Amino acid sequence: MPEGLKLDTPRVDDGAAIWRIARDSKTLDLNSSYSYLLWCRDFAATSVVARDGAGEPVGFITGYIRPQQPGTLLVWQVAVDEAARGRGLAAAMLDGLTLRVAEEYGIDTVETTVTPDNTPSNRLFTSYAQRHSAAVAKDVLFDAALFPEDGHLPEVLYRIGPVVFPGASKR
């Protein structure tokens, strides 16, 4: 964990800051500010926020457990405030979140989707699989033609697992 930062469970009052971090990333598909408030309320247990020394959010990961695959955490969005980048925060958040969710819910698989041009996310999830000695399978989940706007690249599904979390029980 980068010095001076700590991982925490998001709270509803973090929603606006998380929305701003997502907006300022200039790479994420920005959802409505309302959706981030709901996410912090309904999916806080499967999401994480990184806080600076003043307690302000400087990064987040939103995720949920797939209803039809309760052993799988789907990572929805990952973002780090520009001032906190380059210190390994995204990897620390991903490791911390998946360990916590494994301990609480028994997950052993992580999924996410990444566009082919998103080099930082491609590196983040590939290195996560390597750190955890887990296989990673990649397949196009949503082809570009499915998106209503022009220019959206395909979303490639990363399926990482099984991931072994020492001390976590399988539910």
Protein backbone atom coordinates (compact mmCIF):
# COMPACT_ATOMS: atom_id res chain seq x y z
CA MET A 1 0.00 0.00 0.00
CA PRO A 2 1.47 3.39 -0.92
CA GLU A 3 2.55 5.40 2.12
CA GLY A 4 -0.04 7.78 3.53
CA LEU A 5 -2.97 6.01 1.91
CA LYS A 6 -5.40 3.46 3.30
CA LEU A 7 -8.09 1.20 1.89
CA ASP A 8 -11.66 1.51 3.09
CA THR A 9 -15.19 0.52 2.21
CA PRO A 10 -16.95 3.27 0.26
CA ARG A 11 -19.71 5.27 1.95
CA VAL A 12 -22.60 7.09 0.28
CA ASP A 13 -20.93 10.43 0.97
CA ASP A 14 -17.96 9.24 -1.17
CA GLY A 15 -20.18 9.00 -4.27
CA ALA A 16 -19.53 12.54 -5.52
CA ALA A 17 -15.75 12.22 -5.13
CA ILE A 18 -15.77 8.83 -6.87
CA TRP A 19 -17.80 10.32 -9.73
CA ARG A 20 -15.24 13.17 -10.06
CA ILE A 21 -12.31 10.71 -10.09
CA ALA A 22 -14.07 8.67 -12.80
CA ARG A 23 -14.83 11.83 -14.82
CA ASP A 24 -11.28 13.14 -14.51
CA SER A 25 -9.77 9.80 -15.56
CA LYS A 26 -10.82 10.58 -19.15
CA THR A 27 -10.72 6.84 -19.89
CA LEU A 28 -13.74 5.41 -18.07
CA ASP A 29 -17.27 5.40 -19.41
CA LEU A 30 -18.72 7.97 -17.02
CA ASN A 31 -21.97 6.95 -15.36
CA SER A 32 -24.41 9.40 -13.79
CA SER A 33 -23.47 10.87 -10.42
CA TYR A 34 -26.61 9.19 -9.07
CA SER A 35 -25.28 5.76 -10.07
CA TYR A 36 -22.10 6.28 -8.02
CA LEU A 37 -24.21 7.19 -4.98
CA LEU A 38 -26.22 3.99 -5.45
CA TRP A 39 -23.05 1.99 -5.98
CA CYS A 40 -21.64 3.26 -2.67
CA ARG A 41 -24.88 2.26 -0.96
CA ASP A 42 -25.70 -1.07 -2.59
CA PHE A 43 -22.31 -2.49 -3.61
CA ALA A 44 -19.98 -1.06 -0.95
CA ALA A 45 -19.14 -4.55 0.34
CA THR A 46 -17.70 -5.50 -3.06
CA SER A 47 -16.00 -2.17 -3.78
CA VAL A 48 -13.07 -0.26 -2.30
CA VAL A 49 -11.93 3.32 -1.93
CA ALA A 50 -8.40 4.53 -1.21
CA ARG A 51 -8.19 7.49 1.16
CA ASP A 52 -5.44 10.03 1.67
CA GLY A 53 -4.30 11.24 5.09
CA ALA A 54 -7.26 13.62 5.29
CA GLY A 55 -9.70 10.79 4.57
CA GLU A 56 -10.53 11.99 1.06
CA PRO A 57 -10.95 9.42 -1.75
CA VAL A 58 -8.03 9.31 -4.19
CA GLY A 59 -8.93 6.07 -5.94
CA PHE A 60 -11.66 3.47 -6.15
CA ILE A 61 -12.70 0.13 -7.55
CA THR A 62 -16.35 -0.74 -8.02
CA GLY A 63 -17.36 -4.36 -8.27
CA TYR A 64 -20.12 -6.85 -7.65
CA ILE A 65 -20.56 -10.57 -7.28
CA ARG A 66 -22.15 -12.05 -10.37
CA PRO A 67 -25.64 -13.31 -9.45
CA GLN A 68 -25.37 -16.44 -11.59
CA GLN A 69 -21.75 -17.10 -10.54
CA PRO A 70 -21.44 -16.37 -6.81
CA GLY A 71 -17.74 -17.30 -6.80
CA THR A 72 -16.93 -14.50 -9.24
CA LEU A 73 -16.23 -10.84 -8.51
CA LEU A 74 -16.83 -8.62 -11.54
CA VAL A 75 -14.64 -5.52 -11.35
CA TRP A 76 -16.64 -2.70 -12.96
CA GLN A 77 -14.39 0.35 -12.79
CA VAL A 78 -10.90 1.19 -11.50
CA ALA A 79 -9.66 4.76 -11.23
CA VAL A 80 -6.92 6.64 -9.41
CA ASP A 81 -6.78 10.42 -9.03
CA GLU A 82 -4.02 11.89 -11.16
CA ALA A 83 -2.08 13.11 -8.10
CA ALA A 84 -1.94 9.56 -6.68
CA ARG A 85 -0.90 7.73 -9.85
CA GLY A 86 2.39 5.95 -10.39
CA ARG A 87 2.63 4.54 -6.85
CA GLY A 88 1.02 1.12 -7.33
CA LEU A 89 -2.31 2.19 -5.86
CA ALA A 90 -4.51 0.43 -8.42
CA ALA A 91 -2.73 -2.89 -7.78
CA ALA A 92 -2.93 -2.40 -4.00
CA MET A 93 -6.66 -1.65 -4.23
CA LEU A 94 -7.28 -4.70 -6.43
CA ASP A 95 -5.32 -7.00 -4.12
CA GLY A 96 -7.01 -5.60 -1.00
CA LEU A 97 -10.50 -5.72 -2.47
CA THR A 98 -10.25 -9.26 -3.81
CA LEU A 99 -8.81 -10.57 -0.54
CA ARG A 100 -11.61 -8.92 1.48
CA VAL A 101 -14.33 -10.22 -0.86
CA ALA A 102 -12.77 -13.69 -0.86
CA GLU A 103 -12.77 -13.73 2.94
CA GLU A 104 -16.36 -12.48 3.18
CA TYR A 105 -17.98 -14.19 0.17
CA GLY A 106 -15.66 -17.00 -0.90
CA ILE A 107 -14.86 -15.81 -4.42
CA ASP A 108 -12.09 -17.52 -6.36
CA THR A 109 -12.48 -15.82 -9.75
CA VAL A 110 -12.13 -12.21 -10.88
CA GLU A 111 -13.64 -10.88 -14.08
CA THR A 112 -13.41 -7.50 -15.76
CA THR A 113 -13.74 -6.07 -19.22
CA VAL A 114 -11.10 -3.89 -20.84
CA THR A 115 -10.91 -2.22 -24.23
CA PRO A 116 -7.82 -3.20 -26.26
CA ASP A 117 -6.44 0.35 -26.15
CA ASN A 118 -6.53 0.65 -22.34
CA THR A 119 -2.90 -0.23 -21.67
CA PRO A 120 -2.91 0.58 -17.92
CA SER A 121 -5.91 -1.70 -17.25
CA ASN A 122 -4.54 -4.46 -19.46
CA ARG A 123 -1.29 -4.33 -17.44
CA LEU A 124 -3.13 -4.14 -14.09
CA PHE A 125 -5.16 -7.30 -14.64
CA THR A 126 -2.37 -9.25 -16.36
CA SER A 127 0.01 -8.47 -13.48
CA TYR A 128 -2.73 -9.34 -10.95
CA ALA A 129 -3.03 -12.80 -12.52
CA GLN A 130 0.75 -13.21 -12.43
CA ARG A 131 1.03 -12.10 -8.77
CA HIS A 132 -1.62 -14.63 -7.80
CA SER A 133 -0.34 -17.44 -10.06
CA ALA A 134 -3.75 -17.58 -11.69
CA ALA A 135 -4.70 -18.36 -15.26
CA VAL A 136 -6.20 -15.56 -17.33
CA ALA A 137 -8.52 -16.17 -20.27
CA LYS A 138 -9.43 -13.32 -22.64
CA ASP A 139 -12.39 -13.28 -25.00
CA VAL A 140 -14.45 -10.51 -26.56
CA LEU A 141 -17.56 -10.14 -24.42
CA PHE A 142 -19.21 -7.20 -26.17
CA ASP A 143 -18.29 -6.53 -29.79
CA ALA A 144 -18.02 -2.89 -30.90
CA ALA A 145 -21.17 -3.27 -33.03
CA LEU A 146 -23.29 -3.77 -29.88
CA PHE A 147 -22.63 -0.24 -28.61
CA PRO A 148 -25.00 2.50 -29.78
CA GLU A 149 -22.28 5.13 -30.20
CA ASP A 150 -19.72 5.08 -32.98
CA GLY A 151 -16.12 4.41 -32.13
CA HIS A 152 -16.57 2.26 -29.01
CA LEU A 153 -14.00 -0.50 -29.04
CA PRO A 154 -14.90 -4.06 -28.10
CA GLU A 155 -14.90 -4.97 -24.42
CA VAL A 156 -12.57 -7.91 -23.80
CA LEU A 157 -13.52 -10.12 -20.87
CA TYR A 158 -10.66 -11.10 -18.60
CA ARG A 159 -11.48 -14.17 -16.52
CA ILE A 160 -8.81 -14.69 -13.86
CA GLY A 161 -8.81 -17.79 -11.74
CA PRO A 162 -8.85 -19.79 -9.81
CA VAL A 163 -7.24 -17.35 -7.39
CA VAL A 164 -6.12 -18.81 -4.08
CA PHE A 165 -6.57 -16.57 -1.06
CA PRO A 166 -4.88 -18.08 2.00
CA GLY A 167 -7.30 -17.99 4.92
CA ALA A 168 -10.38 -17.37 2.81
CA SER A 169 -13.06 -20.03 2.90
CA LYS A 170 -15.03 -21.19 -0.10
CA ARG A 171 -18.76 -20.65 0.55
